[in-house]
């Protein structure tokens, strides 16, 4: 599914940035405070619904609860306490320039607030051709994918989405995109339970290896067609 890829879109938190553990801790505190959820159960609920804006997560978990707005406000404020000090994964900083050298266009597609995404990605923004975050009526998924296809004149099969959550995988599948799962937020076993196929990687070096493998297969196939083999 990755043989025609021209652009790679990356989720931010848990994929490029080592932030999901702290987000889960903040979410657990918020869910206990506003809904009385046990911290361990709160972390499980947060992870299961990750990949969505937090306002969508709490509405999914606690539909029409009167404290939803206050909980969202608390989470969005508290998660930023040391957010801009978080490190990008080391392999990210090594592999992104290699992907650029190989001619891939790169983008960020996150459901973190757009203003936060733009600020957080500032130090490595030169690697990316487009940076997208969440704002009202504009979410990671179809909204982002359609904009990218229009802006860069791409077909769906020319996009690869890389994310760390089960919702990221489902979003790519629903929209017909090739997907690679960065394991860490979820183990391989959780991704394996989904009823469609995609690659699972432990680090960005594996993304590079898989893309290079598909390119070599395509080149070999083209050579055979040209020689009539």
Protein backbone atom coordinates (compact mmCIF):
# COMPACT_ATOMS: atom_id res chain seq x y z
CA UNK A 1 0.00 0.00 0.00
CA UNK A 2 2.99 2.32 0.33
CA UNK A 3 4.42 2.00 -3.20
CA UNK A 4 2.87 5.22 -4.58
CA UNK A 5 3.45 7.45 -1.55
CA UNK A 6 4.43 11.06 -2.21
CA UNK A 7 3.43 12.66 1.12
CA UNK A 8 3.65 11.38 4.69
CA UNK A 9 1.39 12.91 7.33
CA UNK A 10 2.40 12.45 10.96
CA UNK A 11 0.29 12.67 14.06
CA UNK A 12 2.06 14.79 16.69
CA UNK A 13 1.58 13.55 20.26
CA UNK A 14 2.88 10.04 20.78
CA UNK A 15 4.17 9.88 17.19
CA UNK A 16 6.63 12.74 16.83
CA UNK A 17 6.60 13.95 20.43
CA UNK A 18 7.02 11.94 23.62
CA UNK A 19 3.99 13.47 25.34
CA UNK A 20 1.23 10.86 25.59
CA UNK A 21 2.30 9.52 28.99
CA UNK A 22 2.00 12.94 30.59
CA UNK A 23 -1.27 13.64 28.78
CA UNK A 24 -2.69 10.42 30.22
CA UNK A 25 -1.61 11.45 33.73
CA UNK A 26 -3.29 14.85 33.38
CA UNK A 27 -6.41 13.23 31.93
CA UNK A 28 -6.58 10.79 34.84
CA UNK A 29 -6.48 13.68 37.30
CA UNK A 30 -9.21 15.55 35.40
CA UNK A 31 -11.47 12.51 35.02
CA UNK A 32 -11.17 11.71 38.73
CA UNK A 33 -11.87 15.32 39.71
CA UNK A 34 -14.92 15.86 37.51
CA UNK A 35 -16.38 12.37 37.14
CA UNK A 36 -15.04 10.38 40.09
CA UNK A 37 -13.26 7.87 37.85
CA UNK A 38 -10.52 5.72 39.39
CA UNK A 39 -7.12 6.93 38.06
CA UNK A 40 -6.15 3.58 36.55
CA UNK A 41 -9.50 3.29 34.79
CA UNK A 42 -9.25 6.95 33.73
CA UNK A 43 -5.92 6.30 32.00
CA UNK A 44 -7.44 3.33 30.18
CA UNK A 45 -10.42 5.40 29.03
CA UNK A 46 -8.18 8.24 27.89
CA UNK A 47 -5.94 5.94 25.86
CA UNK A 48 -8.88 4.11 24.29
CA UNK A 49 -10.33 7.38 23.00
CA UNK A 50 -7.01 9.06 22.18
CA UNK A 51 -6.61 10.41 18.69
CA UNK A 52 -9.69 12.61 19.18
CA UNK A 53 -9.77 16.16 20.55
CA UNK A 54 -10.30 15.95 24.33
CA UNK A 55 -13.69 17.66 23.99
CA UNK A 56 -14.78 14.76 21.76
CA UNK A 57 -13.27 12.23 24.17
CA UNK A 58 -15.22 13.41 27.21
CA UNK A 59 -18.44 13.71 25.21
CA UNK A 60 -17.98 10.14 24.03
CA UNK A 61 -17.23 8.91 27.55
CA UNK A 62 -19.77 11.10 29.43
CA UNK A 63 -22.43 12.24 26.94
CA UNK A 64 -24.02 15.59 27.82
CA UNK A 65 -22.48 15.61 31.31
CA UNK A 66 -22.83 19.10 32.86
CA UNK A 67 -19.13 19.21 33.77
CA UNK A 68 -17.79 18.40 30.30
CA UNK A 69 -16.90 21.98 29.39
CA UNK A 70 -15.11 22.57 32.70
CA UNK A 71 -13.22 19.27 32.37
CA UNK A 72 -12.05 20.13 28.86
CA UNK A 73 -10.90 23.58 29.96
CA UNK A 74 -8.98 22.09 32.88
CA UNK A 75 -7.30 19.44 30.72
CA UNK A 76 -6.29 21.83 27.96
CA UNK A 77 -4.75 24.22 30.49
CA UNK A 78 -3.03 21.64 32.69
CA UNK A 79 -1.53 19.58 29.88
CA UNK A 80 0.54 22.61 28.79
CA UNK A 81 2.35 22.94 32.14
CA UNK A 82 5.62 21.54 30.72
CA UNK A 83 4.45 20.57 27.25
CA UNK A 84 6.86 22.82 25.39
CA UNK A 85 9.79 21.25 27.22
CA UNK A 86 8.94 17.74 25.98
CA UNK A 87 11.43 16.11 23.65
CA UNK A 88 10.77 14.88 20.17
CA UNK A 89 11.65 11.23 19.84
CA UNK A 90 15.32 10.92 18.94
CA UNK A 91 14.62 8.81 15.85
CA UNK A 92 12.27 11.53 14.55
CA UNK A 93 15.05 14.11 14.40
CA UNK A 94 17.28 11.66 12.51
CA UNK A 95 14.78 10.22 10.04
CA UNK A 96 12.78 13.32 9.02
CA UNK A 97 15.72 14.86 7.10
CA UNK A 98 16.39 11.51 5.42
CA UNK A 99 12.78 11.32 4.25
CA UNK A 100 13.06 14.85 2.87
CA UNK A 101 16.27 13.90 1.05
CA UNK A 102 14.43 11.04 -0.59
CA UNK A 103 11.85 13.45 -1.96
CA UNK A 104 8.88 12.83 0.30
CA UNK A 105 6.65 15.74 1.20
CA UNK A 106 5.96 15.77 4.94
CA UNK A 107 3.13 17.12 7.05
CA UNK A 108 1.72 17.17 10.57
CA UNK A 109 -1.94 16.27 11.19
CA UNK A 110 -2.93 16.58 14.84
CA UNK A 111 -6.09 16.94 16.89
CA UNK A 112 -4.22 19.09 19.37
CA UNK A 113 -5.26 22.74 19.10
CA UNK A 114 -3.87 24.37 15.97
CA UNK A 115 -2.18 27.21 17.88
CA UNK A 116 -0.50 24.70 20.20
CA UNK A 117 0.66 22.51 17.31
CA UNK A 118 2.17 25.45 15.42
CA UNK A 119 4.04 26.61 18.52
CA UNK A 120 5.25 23.15 19.49
CA UNK A 121 6.46 22.21 16.01
CA UNK A 122 8.30 25.53 15.58
CA UNK A 123 11.79 24.12 16.18
CA UNK A 124 11.47 21.50 13.42
CA UNK A 125 8.96 23.24 11.15
CA UNK A 126 11.39 23.39 8.22
CA UNK A 127 10.99 19.64 7.70
CA UNK A 128 7.29 20.03 6.99
CA UNK A 129 5.39 21.22 3.96
CA UNK A 130 2.15 21.65 5.92
CA UNK A 131 1.23 21.73 9.62
CA UNK A 132 -2.40 21.15 10.64
CA UNK A 133 -4.10 21.13 14.04
CA UNK A 134 -7.62 21.08 15.40
CA UNK A 135 -9.98 24.02 15.23
CA UNK A 136 -13.77 24.14 15.21
CA UNK A 137 -15.08 22.17 12.25
CA UNK A 138 -11.60 21.12 11.13
CA UNK A 139 -10.37 17.79 12.53
CA UNK A 140 -7.64 15.28 11.87
CA UNK A 141 -9.12 12.89 9.34
CA UNK A 142 -11.21 13.78 6.31
CA UNK A 143 -10.93 17.54 6.86
CA UNK A 144 -7.14 17.44 6.98
CA UNK A 145 -6.75 14.79 4.29
CA UNK A 146 -9.00 16.59 1.82
CA UNK A 147 -7.13 19.85 2.32
CA UNK A 148 -3.76 18.17 1.80
CA UNK A 149 -4.92 16.42 -1.37
CA UNK A 150 -6.25 19.69 -2.76
CA UNK A 151 -3.24 21.80 -1.77
CA UNK A 152 -0.66 19.36 -3.16
CA UNK A 153 -2.69 17.85 -6.02
CA UNK A 154 -2.45 14.35 -4.57
CA UNK A 155 -4.56 11.23 -4.85
CA UNK A 156 -5.60 9.29 -1.75
CA UNK A 157 -3.21 6.43 -2.55
CA UNK A 158 -0.31 8.91 -2.56
CA UNK A 159 -0.78 9.74 1.15
CA UNK A 160 0.59 7.80 4.11
CA UNK A 161 -0.61 8.58 7.63
CA UNK A 162 1.58 7.66 10.61
CA UNK A 163 -0.02 7.67 14.06
CA UNK A 164 0.16 6.07 17.48
CA UNK A 165 -3.49 5.41 18.36
CA UNK A 166 -6.22 2.95 17.41
CA UNK A 167 -8.35 5.91 16.35
CA UNK A 168 -5.54 7.05 14.03
CA UNK A 169 -5.60 3.61 12.38
CA UNK A 170 -9.39 3.66 12.04
CA UNK A 171 -9.31 7.21 10.66
CA UNK A 172 -6.82 6.27 7.95
CA UNK A 173 -8.76 3.12 7.06
CA UNK A 174 -12.07 4.97 6.90
CA UNK A 175 -10.59 7.51 4.50
CA UNK A 176 -8.72 4.99 2.34
CA UNK A 177 -5.17 6.05 3.32
CA UNK A 178 -2.20 3.82 3.85
CA UNK A 179 -1.33 3.72 7.55
CA UNK A 180 1.66 2.89 9.74
CA UNK A 181 1.24 2.55 13.48
CA UNK A 182 3.97 3.77 15.77
CA UNK A 183 3.78 1.35 18.71
CA UNK A 184 4.24 2.71 22.21
CA UNK A 185 0.98 4.32 23.22
CA UNK A 186 -0.59 0.97 22.24
CA UNK A 187 1.20 -2.39 21.92
CA UNK A 188 1.26 -4.40 18.70
CA UNK A 189 -1.39 -6.77 20.08
CA UNK A 190 -3.95 -3.97 20.28
CA UNK A 191 -3.32 -2.91 16.70
CA UNK A 192 -3.47 -6.54 15.58
CA UNK A 193 -7.04 -6.79 16.86
CA UNK A 194 -8.22 -4.28 14.25
CA UNK A 195 -9.82 -5.98 11.25
CA UNK A 196 -7.62 -4.50 8.52
CA UNK A 197 -3.95 -4.73 7.62
CA UNK A 198 -1.23 -2.12 8.07
CA UNK A 199 2.40 -1.95 9.14
CA UNK A 200 3.39 -1.54 12.78
CA UNK A 201 6.73 0.05 13.59
CA UNK A 202 8.68 0.54 16.77
CA UNK A 203 10.61 3.55 15.50
CA UNK A 204 11.01 5.85 12.51
CA UNK A 205 13.98 3.91 11.10
CA UNK A 206 11.53 1.11 10.33
CA UNK A 207 9.32 3.55 8.40
CA UNK A 208 12.30 4.44 6.24
CA UNK A 209 13.17 0.76 5.71
CA UNK A 210 9.61 -0.16 4.71
CA UNK A 211 9.36 2.72 2.25
CA UNK A 212 12.73 1.88 0.72
CA UNK A 213 11.67 -1.77 0.37
CA UNK A 214 8.50 -0.79 -1.48
CA UNK A 215 10.47 1.56 -3.75
CA UNK A 216 12.90 -1.22 -4.67
CA UNK A 217 10.03 -3.60 -5.41
CA UNK A 218 8.43 -0.99 -7.66
CA UNK A 219 11.70 -0.30 -9.47
CA UNK A 220 12.27 -4.04 -10.02
CA UNK A 221 8.75 -4.46 -11.36
CA UNK A 222 9.21 -1.50 -13.73
CA UNK A 223 12.49 -2.94 -14.99
CA UNK A 224 10.87 -6.30 -15.69
CA UNK A 225 8.04 -4.64 -17.60
CA UNK A 226 10.54 -2.60 -19.64
CA UNK A 227 12.57 -5.69 -20.60
CA UNK A 228 9.54 -7.91 -21.14
CA UNK A 229 10.52 -10.41 -18.46
